[in-house]
Amino acid sequence: MLNDRLLVSLDGDQAERRSSAGIVIPATAVVGKRLAWATVVAIGQHVRQVEIGDRVLFDPDERAEVELEGATYLLLREKDVHAVAQPRGGGEGTGLYL
């Protein structure tokens, strides 16, 4: 990876989701801008605030897809990341910071 680039793998299936009441919301439903979570697989040498293994929140419209060894990954810039959730030692939650 070069410069400020991140290679990430999407978390779970982004196609359809459920509301808190259990109603299935199809992928074709029009909703407000929805951000997505992904796990960082590789980072460039100029990335400062994200580490491999972190979960990042980003806008799915600002991405580029790449296929490596049969798996699909997304290529992002560090500036396109809205939040990072790092696992903290001792099981004290996600360590989410914005």
PDB file of N, CA and C in Angstrom:
ATOM      1  N   MET A   1       0.844  -1.169   0.000  1.00  0.00           N
ATOM      2  CA  MET A   1       0.000   0.000   0.000  1.00  0.00           C
ATOM      3  C   MET A   1       0.892   1.236   0.000  1.00  0.00           C
ATOM      4  N   LEU A   2       0.461   2.249  -0.681  1.00  0.00           N
ATOM      5  CA  LEU A   2       1.243   3.474  -0.785  1.00  0.00           C
ATOM      6  C   LEU A   2       0.572   4.628  -0.053  1.00  0.00           C
ATOM      7  N   ASN A   3       1.374   5.567   0.399  1.00  0.00           N
ATOM      8  CA  ASN A   3       0.937   6.844   0.967  1.00  0.00           C
ATOM      9  C   ASN A   3      -0.128   6.685   2.052  1.00  0.00           C
ATOM     10  N   ASP A   4      -1.278   7.351   1.890  1.00  0.00           N
ATOM     11  CA  ASP A   4      -2.319   7.359   2.919  1.00  0.00           C
ATOM     12  C   ASP A   4      -3.466   6.400   2.600  1.00  0.00           C
ATOM     13  N   ARG A   5      -3.190   5.341   1.871  1.00  0.00           N
ATOM     14  CA  ARG A   5      -4.228   4.404   1.442  1.00  0.00           C
ATOM     15  C   ARG A   5      -4.461   3.308   2.486  1.00  0.00           C
ATOM     16  N   LEU A   6      -5.722   2.851   2.540  1.00  0.00           N
ATOM     17  CA  LEU A   6      -6.124   1.740   3.397  1.00  0.00           C
ATOM     18  C   LEU A   6      -6.766   0.675   2.531  1.00  0.00           C
ATOM     19  N   LEU A   7      -6.456  -0.567   2.780  1.00  0.00           N
ATOM     20  CA  LEU A   7      -7.125  -1.686   2.138  1.00  0.00           C
ATOM     21  C   LEU A   7      -8.023  -2.300   3.201  1.00  0.00           C
ATOM     22  N   VAL A   8      -9.335  -2.347   2.937  1.00  0.00           N
ATOM     23  CA  VAL A   8     -10.281  -2.811   3.950  1.00  0.00           C
ATOM     24  C   VAL A   8     -11.171  -3.910   3.401  1.00  0.00           C
ATOM     25  N   SER A   9     -11.686  -4.711   4.315  1.00  0.00           N
ATOM     26  CA  SER A   9     -12.624  -5.777   3.994  1.00  0.00           C
ATOM     27  C   SER A   9     -13.958  -5.433   4.652  1.00  0.00           C
ATOM     28  N   LEU A  10     -15.050  -5.426   3.878  1.00  0.00           N
ATOM     29  CA  LEU A  10     -16.367  -5.075   4.408  1.00  0.00           C
ATOM     30  C   LEU A  10     -16.807  -6.051   5.480  1.00  0.00           C
ATOM     31  N   ASP A  11     -17.460  -5.527   6.529  1.00  0.00           N
ATOM     32  CA  ASP A  11     -18.008  -6.346   7.602  1.00  0.00           C
ATOM     33  C   ASP A  11     -19.387  -6.843   7.214  1.00  0.00           C
ATOM     34  N   GLY A  12     -19.599  -8.148   7.216  1.00  0.00           N
ATOM     35  CA  GLY A  12     -20.919  -8.723   7.002  1.00  0.00           C
ATOM     36  C   GLY A  12     -21.511  -8.422   5.642  1.00  0.00           C
ATOM     37  N   ASP A  13     -22.786  -8.770   5.511  1.00  0.00           N
ATOM     38  CA  ASP A  13     -23.519  -8.556   4.267  1.00  0.00           C
ATOM     39  C   ASP A  13     -24.199  -7.203   4.318  1.00  0.00           C
ATOM     40  N   GLN A  14     -23.906  -6.345   3.365  1.00  0.00           N
ATOM     41  CA  GLN A  14     -24.474  -4.999   3.325  1.00  0.00           C
ATOM     42  C   GLN A  14     -25.771  -4.951   2.519  1.00  0.00           C
ATOM     43  N   ALA A  15     -26.250  -6.108   2.025  1.00  0.00           N
ATOM     44  CA  ALA A  15     -27.405  -6.119   1.141  1.00  0.00           C
ATOM     45  C   ALA A  15     -28.697  -5.731   1.857  1.00  0.00           C
ATOM     46  N   GLU A  16     -29.123  -6.517   2.820  1.00  0.00           N
ATOM     47  CA  GLU A  16     -30.341  -6.147   3.540  1.00  0.00           C
ATOM     48  C   GLU A  16     -30.048  -6.157   5.026  1.00  0.00           C
ATOM     49  N   ARG A  17     -30.846  -5.419   5.772  1.00  0.00           N
ATOM     50  CA  ARG A  17     -30.632  -5.298   7.205  1.00  0.00           C
ATOM     51  C   ARG A  17     -31.975  -5.323   7.906  1.00  0.00           C
ATOM     52  N   ARG A  18     -31.958  -5.390   9.218  1.00  0.00           N
ATOM     53  CA  ARG A  18     -33.181  -5.429  10.015  1.00  0.00           C
ATOM     54  C   ARG A  18     -33.258  -4.212  10.911  1.00  0.00           C
ATOM     55  N   SER A  19     -34.477  -3.721  11.092  1.00  0.00           N
ATOM     56  CA  SER A  19     -34.692  -2.628  12.032  1.00  0.00           C
ATOM     57  C   SER A  19     -34.673  -3.196  13.447  1.00  0.00           C
ATOM     58  N   SER A  20     -34.693  -2.326  14.445  1.00  0.00           N
ATOM     59  CA  SER A  20     -34.686  -2.798  15.828  1.00  0.00           C
ATOM     60  C   SER A  20     -35.960  -3.574  16.162  1.00  0.00           C
ATOM     61  N   ALA A  21     -37.030  -3.369  15.400  1.00  0.00           N
ATOM     62  CA  ALA A  21     -38.283  -4.101  15.606  1.00  0.00           C
ATOM     63  C   ALA A  21     -38.307  -5.421  14.838  1.00  0.00           C
ATOM     64  N   GLY A  22     -37.263  -5.720  14.057  1.00  0.00           N
ATOM     65  CA  GLY A  22     -37.181  -6.975  13.321  1.00  0.00           C
ATOM     66  C   GLY A  22     -37.686  -6.915  11.895  1.00  0.00           C
ATOM     67  N   ILE A  23     -38.033  -5.734  11.405  1.00  0.00           N
ATOM     68  CA  ILE A  23     -38.514  -5.586  10.029  1.00  0.00           C
ATOM     69  C   ILE A  23     -37.322  -5.623   9.077  1.00  0.00           C
ATOM     70  N   VAL A  24     -37.417  -6.441   8.021  1.00  0.00           N
ATOM     71  CA  VAL A  24     -36.342  -6.550   7.036  1.00  0.00           C
ATOM     72  C   VAL A  24     -36.402  -5.342   6.102  1.00  0.00           C
ATOM     73  N   ILE A  25     -35.268  -4.654   5.958  1.00  0.00           N
ATOM     74  CA  ILE A  25     -35.172  -3.499   5.062  1.00  0.00           C
ATOM     75  C   ILE A  25     -34.308  -3.915   3.879  1.00  0.00           C
ATOM     76  N   PRO A  26     -34.884  -4.025   2.665  1.00  0.00           N
ATOM     77  CA  PRO A  26     -34.107  -4.474   1.509  1.00  0.00           C
ATOM     78  C   PRO A  26     -33.067  -3.441   1.089  1.00  0.00           C
ATOM     79  N   ALA A  27     -32.064  -3.899   0.358  1.00  0.00           N
ATOM     80  CA  ALA A  27     -30.983  -3.023  -0.101  1.00  0.00           C
ATOM     81  C   ALA A  27     -31.490  -1.944  -1.050  1.00  0.00           C
ATOM     82  N   THR A  28     -32.618  -2.185  -1.705  1.00  0.00           N
ATOM     83  CA  THR A  28     -33.146  -1.219  -2.664  1.00  0.00           C
ATOM     84  C   THR A  28     -33.958  -0.105  -2.007  1.00  0.00           C
ATOM     85  N   ALA A  29     -34.215  -0.209  -0.700  1.00  0.00           N
ATOM     86  CA  ALA A  29     -34.987   0.827  -0.005  1.00  0.00           C
ATOM     87  C   ALA A  29     -34.180   2.119   0.044  1.00  0.00           C
ATOM     88  N   VAL A  30     -34.869   3.228  -0.221  1.00  0.00           N
ATOM     89  CA  VAL A  30     -34.217   4.532  -0.215  1.00  0.00           C
ATOM     90  C   VAL A  30     -34.202   5.053   1.224  1.00  0.00           C
ATOM     91  N   VAL A  31     -33.021   5.253   1.752  1.00  0.00           N
ATOM     92  CA  VAL A  31     -32.855   5.802   3.102  1.00  0.00           C
ATOM     93  C   VAL A  31     -31.833   6.914   3.014  1.00  0.00           C
ATOM     94  N   GLY A  32     -31.632   7.613   4.101  1.00  0.00           N
ATOM     95  CA  GLY A  32     -30.610   8.653   4.126  1.00  0.00           C
ATOM     96  C   GLY A  32     -29.230   8.056   3.923  1.00  0.00           C
ATOM     97  N   LYS A  33     -28.260   8.897   3.844  1.00  0.00           N
ATOM     98  CA  LYS A  33     -26.884   8.453   3.627  1.00  0.00           C
ATOM     99  C   LYS A  33     -26.468   7.516   4.752  1.00  0.00           C
ATOM    100  N   ARG A  34     -26.073   6.302   4.417  1.00  0.00           N
ATOM    101  CA  ARG A  34     -25.721   5.293   5.408  1.00  0.00           C
ATOM    102  C   ARG A  34     -24.239   4.973   5.292  1.00  0.00           C
ATOM    103  N   LEU A  35     -23.534   5.044   6.406  1.00  0.00           N
ATOM    104  CA  LEU A  35     -22.115   4.712   6.445  1.00  0.00           C
ATOM    105  C   LEU A  35     -21.949   3.216   6.678  1.00  0.00           C
ATOM    106  N   ALA A  36     -20.769   2.685   6.367  1.00  0.00           N
ATOM    107  CA  ALA A  36     -20.512   1.251   6.494  1.00  0.00           C
ATOM    108  C   ALA A  36     -19.257   1.006   7.325  1.00  0.00           C
ATOM    109  N   TRP A  37     -19.214  -0.166   7.961  1.00  0.00           N
ATOM    110  CA  TRP A  37     -18.042  -0.584   8.739  1.00  0.00           C
ATOM    111  C   TRP A  37     -17.206  -1.567   7.923  1.00  0.00           C
ATOM    112  N   ALA A  38     -15.891  -1.491   8.097  1.00  0.00           N
ATOM    113  CA  ALA A  38     -14.975  -2.423   7.441  1.00  0.00           C
ATOM    114  C   ALA A  38     -13.768  -2.651   8.349  1.00  0.00           C
ATOM    115  N   THR A  39     -13.055  -3.735   8.109  1.00  0.00           N
ATOM    116  CA  THR A  39     -11.857  -4.069   8.875  1.00  0.00           C
ATOM    117  C   THR A  39     -10.626  -3.777   8.025  1.00  0.00           C
ATOM    118  N   VAL A  40      -9.637  -3.099   8.609  1.00  0.00           N
ATOM    119  CA  VAL A  40      -8.421  -2.722   7.898  1.00  0.00           C
ATOM    120  C   VAL A  40      -7.532  -3.954   7.726  1.00  0.00           C
ATOM    121  N   VAL A  41      -7.124  -4.212   6.474  1.00  0.00           N
ATOM    122  CA  VAL A  41      -6.290  -5.363   6.130  1.00  0.00           C
ATOM    123  C   VAL A  41      -4.840  -4.934   5.899  1.00  0.00           C
ATOM    124  N   ALA A  42      -4.641  -3.751   5.290  1.00  0.00           N
ATOM    125  CA  ALA A  42      -3.290  -3.245   5.013  1.00  0.00           C
ATOM    126  C   ALA A  42      -3.338  -1.722   5.017  1.00  0.00           C
ATOM    127  N   ILE A  43      -2.176  -1.100   5.323  1.00  0.00           N
ATOM    128  CA  ILE A  43      -2.092   0.363   5.368  1.00  0.00           C
ATOM    129  C   ILE A  43      -0.827   0.834   4.661  1.00  0.00           C
ATOM    130  N   GLY A  44      -0.890   2.070   4.147  1.00  0.00           N
ATOM    131  CA  GLY A  44       0.270   2.697   3.525  1.00  0.00           C
ATOM    132  C   GLY A  44       1.213   3.275   4.573  1.00  0.00           C
ATOM    133  N   GLN A  45       2.396   3.679   4.147  1.00  0.00           N
ATOM    134  CA  GLN A  45       3.422   4.150   5.087  1.00  0.00           C
ATOM    135  C   GLN A  45       3.106   5.506   5.710  1.00  0.00           C
ATOM    136  N   HIS A  46       2.186   6.276   5.144  1.00  0.00           N
ATOM    137  CA  HIS A  46       1.863   7.598   5.694  1.00  0.00           C
ATOM    138  C   HIS A  46       0.555   7.620   6.489  1.00  0.00           C
ATOM    139  N   VAL A  47      -0.033   6.468   6.751  1.00  0.00           N
ATOM    140  CA  VAL A  47      -1.246   6.387   7.572  1.00  0.00           C
ATOM    141  C   VAL A  47      -0.829   6.557   9.025  1.00  0.00           C
ATOM    142  N   ARG A  48      -1.496   7.493   9.742  1.00  0.00           N
ATOM    143  CA  ARG A  48      -1.081   7.819  11.100  1.00  0.00           C
ATOM    144  C   ARG A  48      -2.048   7.376  12.188  1.00  0.00           C
ATOM    145  N   GLN A  49      -3.343   7.313  11.898  1.00  0.00           N
ATOM    146  CA  GLN A  49      -4.311   7.092  12.969  1.00  0.00           C
ATOM    147  C   GLN A  49      -5.040   5.755  12.905  1.00  0.00           C
ATOM    148  N   VAL A  50      -4.710   4.919  11.963  1.00  0.00           N
ATOM    149  CA  VAL A  50      -5.378   3.639  11.792  1.00  0.00           C
ATOM    150  C   VAL A  50      -4.323   2.543  11.767  1.00  0.00           C
ATOM    151  N   GLU A  51      -4.651   1.410  12.381  1.00  0.00           N
ATOM    152  CA  GLU A  51      -3.746   0.266  12.392  1.00  0.00           C
ATOM    153  C   GLU A  51      -4.437  -0.939  11.762  1.00  0.00           C
ATOM    154  N   ILE A  52      -3.663  -1.903  11.336  1.00  0.00           N
ATOM    155  CA  ILE A  52      -4.215  -3.137  10.777  1.00  0.00           C
ATOM    156  C   ILE A  52      -5.041  -3.826  11.860  1.00  0.00           C
ATOM    157  N   GLY A  53      -6.238  -4.267  11.494  1.00  0.00           N
ATOM    158  CA  GLY A  53      -7.142  -4.915  12.433  1.00  0.00           C
ATOM    159  C   GLY A  53      -8.202  -3.992  12.998  1.00  0.00           C
ATOM    160  N   ASP A  54      -8.043  -2.670  12.851  1.00  0.00           N
ATOM    161  CA  ASP A  54      -9.052  -1.713  13.324  1.00  0.00           C
ATOM    162  C   ASP A  54     -10.307  -1.808  12.466  1.00  0.00           C
ATOM    163  N   ARG A  55     -11.451  -1.481  13.052  1.00  0.00           N
ATOM    164  CA  ARG A  55     -12.697  -1.343  12.299  1.00  0.00           C
ATOM    165  C   ARG A  55     -12.880   0.134  12.006  1.00  0.00           C
ATOM    166  N   VAL A  56     -13.178   0.469  10.751  1.00  0.00           N
ATOM    167  CA  VAL A  56     -13.331   1.865  10.352  1.00  0.00           C
ATOM    168  C   VAL A  56     -14.722   2.097   9.784  1.00  0.00           C
ATOM    169  N   LEU A  57     -15.227   3.316   9.996  1.00  0.00           N
ATOM    170  CA  LEU A  57     -16.522   3.740   9.485  1.00  0.00           C
ATOM    171  C   LEU A  57     -16.272   4.681   8.315  1.00  0.00           C
ATOM    172  N   PHE A  58     -16.910   4.423   7.176  1.00  0.00           N
ATOM    173  CA  PHE A  58     -16.649   5.224   5.979  1.00  0.00           C
ATOM    174  C   PHE A  58     -17.915   5.325   5.135  1.00  0.00           C
ATOM    175  N   ASP A  59     -17.892   6.230   4.182  1.00  0.00           N
ATOM    176  CA  ASP A  59     -18.997   6.417   3.246  1.00  0.00           C
ATOM    177  C   ASP A  59     -18.800   5.457   2.073  1.00  0.00           C
ATOM    178  N   PRO A  60     -19.728   4.525   1.847  1.00  0.00           N
ATOM    179  CA  PRO A  60     -19.551   3.550   0.767  1.00  0.00           C
ATOM    180  C   PRO A  60     -19.524   4.164  -0.632  1.00  0.00           C
ATOM    181  N   ASP A  61     -19.995   5.401  -0.785  1.00  0.00           N
ATOM    182  CA  ASP A  61     -19.961   6.038  -2.100  1.00  0.00           C
ATOM    183  C   ASP A  61     -18.559   6.486  -2.490  1.00  0.00           C
ATOM    184  N   GLU A  62     -17.665   6.639  -1.515  1.00  0.00           N
ATOM    185  CA  GLU A  62     -16.298   7.110  -1.764  1.00  0.00           C
ATOM    186  C   GLU A  62     -15.316   5.948  -1.661  1.00  0.00           C
ATOM    187  N   ARG A  63     -15.436   4.989  -2.560  1.00  0.00           N
ATOM    188  CA  ARG A  63     -14.582   3.812  -2.477  1.00  0.00           C
ATOM    189  C   ARG A  63     -14.209   3.303  -3.855  1.00  0.00           C
ATOM    190  N   ALA A  64     -13.193   2.481  -3.892  1.00  0.00           N
ATOM    191  CA  ALA A  64     -12.780   1.785  -5.105  1.00  0.00           C
ATOM    192  C   ALA A  64     -12.609   0.313  -4.735  1.00  0.00           C
ATOM    193  N   GLU A  65     -13.181  -0.579  -5.521  1.00  0.00           N
ATOM    194  CA  GLU A  65     -13.088  -2.007  -5.242  1.00  0.00           C
ATOM    195  C   GLU A  65     -11.896  -2.609  -5.979  1.00  0.00           C
ATOM    196  N   VAL A  66     -11.273  -3.598  -5.336  1.00  0.00           N
ATOM    197  CA  VAL A  66     -10.165  -4.318  -5.946  1.00  0.00           C
ATOM    198  C   VAL A  66     -10.287  -5.785  -5.540  1.00  0.00           C
ATOM    199  N   GLU A  67      -9.953  -6.687  -6.476  1.00  0.00           N
ATOM    200  CA  GLU A  67     -10.002  -8.114  -6.180  1.00  0.00           C
ATOM    201  C   GLU A  67      -8.581  -8.652  -6.079  1.00  0.00           C
ATOM    202  N   LEU A  68      -8.275  -9.275  -4.950  1.00  0.00           N
ATOM    203  CA  LEU A  68      -6.958  -9.862  -4.709  1.00  0.00           C
ATOM    204  C   LEU A  68      -7.126 -11.305  -4.288  1.00  0.00           C
ATOM    205  N   GLU A  69      -6.520 -12.224  -5.024  1.00  0.00           N
ATOM    206  CA  GLU A  69      -6.562 -13.650  -4.734  1.00  0.00           C
ATOM    207  C   GLU A  69      -7.982 -14.148  -4.506  1.00  0.00           C
ATOM    208  N   GLY A  70      -8.924 -13.684  -5.319  1.00  0.00           N
ATOM    209  CA  GLY A  70     -10.304 -14.145  -5.266  1.00  0.00           C
ATOM    210  C   GLY A  70     -11.180 -13.458  -4.232  1.00  0.00           C
ATOM    211  N   ALA A  71     -10.627 -12.569  -3.420  1.00  0.00           N
ATOM    212  CA  ALA A  71     -11.412 -11.842  -2.408  1.00  0.00           C
ATOM    213  C   ALA A  71     -11.547 -10.378  -2.828  1.00  0.00           C
ATOM    214  N   THR A  72     -12.694  -9.766  -2.535  1.00  0.00           N
ATOM    215  CA  THR A  72     -12.937  -8.375  -2.883  1.00  0.00           C
ATOM    216  C   THR A  72     -12.646  -7.480  -1.689  1.00  0.00           C
ATOM    217  N   TYR A  73     -11.845  -6.451  -1.915  1.00  0.00           N
ATOM    218  CA  TYR A  73     -11.478  -5.473  -0.885  1.00  0.00           C
ATOM    219  C   TYR A  73     -11.833  -4.079  -1.391  1.00  0.00           C
ATOM    220  N   LEU A  74     -11.815  -3.121  -0.485  1.00  0.00           N
ATOM    221  CA  LEU A  74     -12.048  -1.727  -0.847  1.00  0.00           C
ATOM    222  C   LEU A  74     -10.784  -0.939  -0.578  1.00  0.00           C
ATOM    223  N   LEU A  75     -10.535   0.050  -1.408  1.00  0.00           N
ATOM    224  CA  LEU A  75      -9.378   0.922  -1.272  1.00  0.00           C
ATOM    225  C   LEU A  75      -9.882   2.309  -0.875  1.00  0.00           C
ATOM    226  N   LEU A  76      -9.417   2.814   0.270  1.00  0.00           N
ATOM    227  CA  LEU A  76      -9.842   4.110   0.798  1.00  0.00           C
ATOM    228  C   LEU A  76      -8.634   4.979   1.085  1.00  0.00           C
ATOM    229  N   ARG A  77      -8.866   6.274   1.211  1.00  0.00           N
ATOM    230  CA  ARG A  77      -7.855   7.189   1.740  1.00  0.00           C
ATOM    231  C   ARG A  77      -8.130   7.367   3.221  1.00  0.00           C
ATOM    232  N   GLU A  78      -7.099   7.629   3.993  1.00  0.00           N
ATOM    233  CA  GLU A  78      -7.271   7.813   5.436  1.00  0.00           C
ATOM    234  C   GLU A  78      -8.233   8.966   5.725  1.00  0.00           C
ATOM    235  N   LYS A  79      -8.212  10.008   4.918  1.00  0.00           N
ATOM    236  CA  LYS A  79      -9.082  11.162   5.151  1.00  0.00           C
ATOM    237  C   LYS A  79     -10.560  10.841   4.933  1.00  0.00           C
ATOM    238  N   ASP A  80     -10.882   9.722   4.246  1.00  0.00           N
ATOM    239  CA  ASP A  80     -12.262   9.327   4.009  1.00  0.00           C
ATOM    240  C   ASP A  80     -12.857   8.527   5.165  1.00  0.00           C
ATOM    241  N   VAL A  81     -12.056   8.213   6.177  1.00  0.00           N
ATOM    242  CA  VAL A  81     -12.524   7.465   7.342  1.00  0.00           C
ATOM    243  C   VAL A  81     -13.169   8.433   8.324  1.00  0.00           C
ATOM    244  N   HIS A  82     -14.400   8.115   8.758  1.00  0.00           N
ATOM    245  CA  HIS A  82     -15.136   8.979   9.684  1.00  0.00           C
ATOM    246  C   HIS A  82     -14.895   8.619  11.139  1.00  0.00           C
ATOM    247  N   ALA A  83     -14.622   7.337  11.441  1.00  0.00           N
ATOM    248  CA  ALA A  83     -14.406   6.902  12.822  1.00  0.00           C
ATOM    249  C   ALA A  83     -13.610   5.605  12.813  1.00  0.00           C
ATOM    250  N   VAL A  84     -12.975   5.307  13.953  1.00  0.00           N
ATOM    251  CA  VAL A  84     -12.208   4.083  14.119  1.00  0.00           C
ATOM    252  C   VAL A  84     -12.657   3.424  15.420  1.00  0.00           C
ATOM    253  N   ALA A  85     -12.906   2.126  15.377  1.00  0.00           N
ATOM    254  CA  ALA A  85     -13.236   1.363  16.585  1.00  0.00           C
ATOM    255  C   ALA A  85     -12.098   0.379  16.810  1.00  0.00           C
ATOM    256  N   GLN A  86     -11.322   0.613  17.843  1.00  0.00           N
ATOM    257  CA  GLN A  86     -10.214  -0.270  18.176  1.00  0.00           C
ATOM    258  C   GLN A  86     -10.618  -1.142  19.347  1.00  0.00           C
ATOM    259  N   PRO A  87     -10.320  -2.422  19.299  1.00  0.00           N
ATOM    260  CA  PRO A  87     -10.572  -3.245  20.478  1.00  0.00           C
ATOM    261  C   PRO A  87      -9.611  -2.839  21.590  1.00  0.00           C
ATOM    262  N   ARG A  88     -10.121  -2.674  22.787  1.00  0.00           N
ATOM    263  CA  ARG A  88      -9.300  -2.294  23.943  1.00  0.00           C
ATOM    264  C   ARG A  88      -9.076  -3.515  24.822  1.00  0.00           C
ATOM    265  N   GLY A  89      -7.939  -3.578  25.471  1.00  0.00           N
ATOM    266  CA  GLY A  89      -7.629  -4.690  26.369  1.00  0.00           C
ATOM    267  C   GLY A  89      -8.579  -4.739  27.550  1.00  0.00           C
ATOM    268  N   GLY A  90      -8.856  -5.926  28.035  1.00  0.00           N
ATOM    269  CA  GLY A  90      -9.706  -6.086  29.211  1.00  0.00           C
ATOM    270  C   GLY A  90     -11.188  -6.117  28.921  1.00  0.00           C
ATOM    271  N   GLY A  91     -11.600  -6.127  27.654  1.00  0.00           N
ATOM    272  CA  GLY A  91     -13.014  -6.214  27.312  1.00  0.00           C
ATOM    273  C   GLY A  91     -13.837  -5.030  27.773  1.00  0.00           C
ATOM    274  N   GLU A  92     -13.309  -3.841  27.672  1.00  0.00           N
ATOM    275  CA  GLU A  92     -13.995  -2.636  28.143  1.00  0.00           C
ATOM    276  C   GLU A  92     -14.744  -1.916  27.025  1.00  0.00           C
ATOM    277  N   GLY A  93     -15.281  -2.616  26.073  1.00  0.00           N
ATOM    278  CA  GLY A  93     -16.008  -1.992  24.979  1.00  0.00           C
ATOM    279  C   GLY A  93     -15.167  -1.903  23.726  1.00  0.00           C
ATOM    280  N   THR A  94     -15.643  -1.119  22.763  1.00  0.00           N
ATOM    281  CA  THR A  94     -14.980  -1.076  21.457  1.00  0.00           C
ATOM    282  C   THR A  94     -13.851  -0.069  21.387  1.00  0.00           C
ATOM    283  N   GLY A  95     -13.816   0.916  22.271  1.00  0.00           N
ATOM    284  CA  GLY A  95     -12.795   1.940  22.166  1.00  0.00           C
ATOM    285  C   GLY A  95     -13.064   2.875  21.012  1.00  0.00           C
ATOM    286  N   LEU A  96     -14.335   3.100  20.665  1.00  0.00           N
ATOM    287  CA  LEU A  96     -14.712   3.938  19.534  1.00  0.00           C
ATOM    288  C   LEU A  96     -14.272   5.372  19.762  1.00  0.00           C
ATOM    289  N   TYR A  97     -13.614   5.945  18.768  1.00  0.00           N
ATOM    290  CA  TYR A  97     -13.286   7.364  18.829  1.00  0.00           C
ATOM    291  C   TYR A  97     -13.548   7.990  17.472  1.00  0.00           C
ATOM    292  N   LEU A  98     -13.888   9.272  17.492  1.00  0.00           N
ATOM    293  CA  LEU A  98     -14.181  10.003  16.250  1.00  0.00           C
ATOM    294  C   LEU A  98     -13.104  11.019  15.986  1.00  0.00           C
TER     295      LEU A  98
END
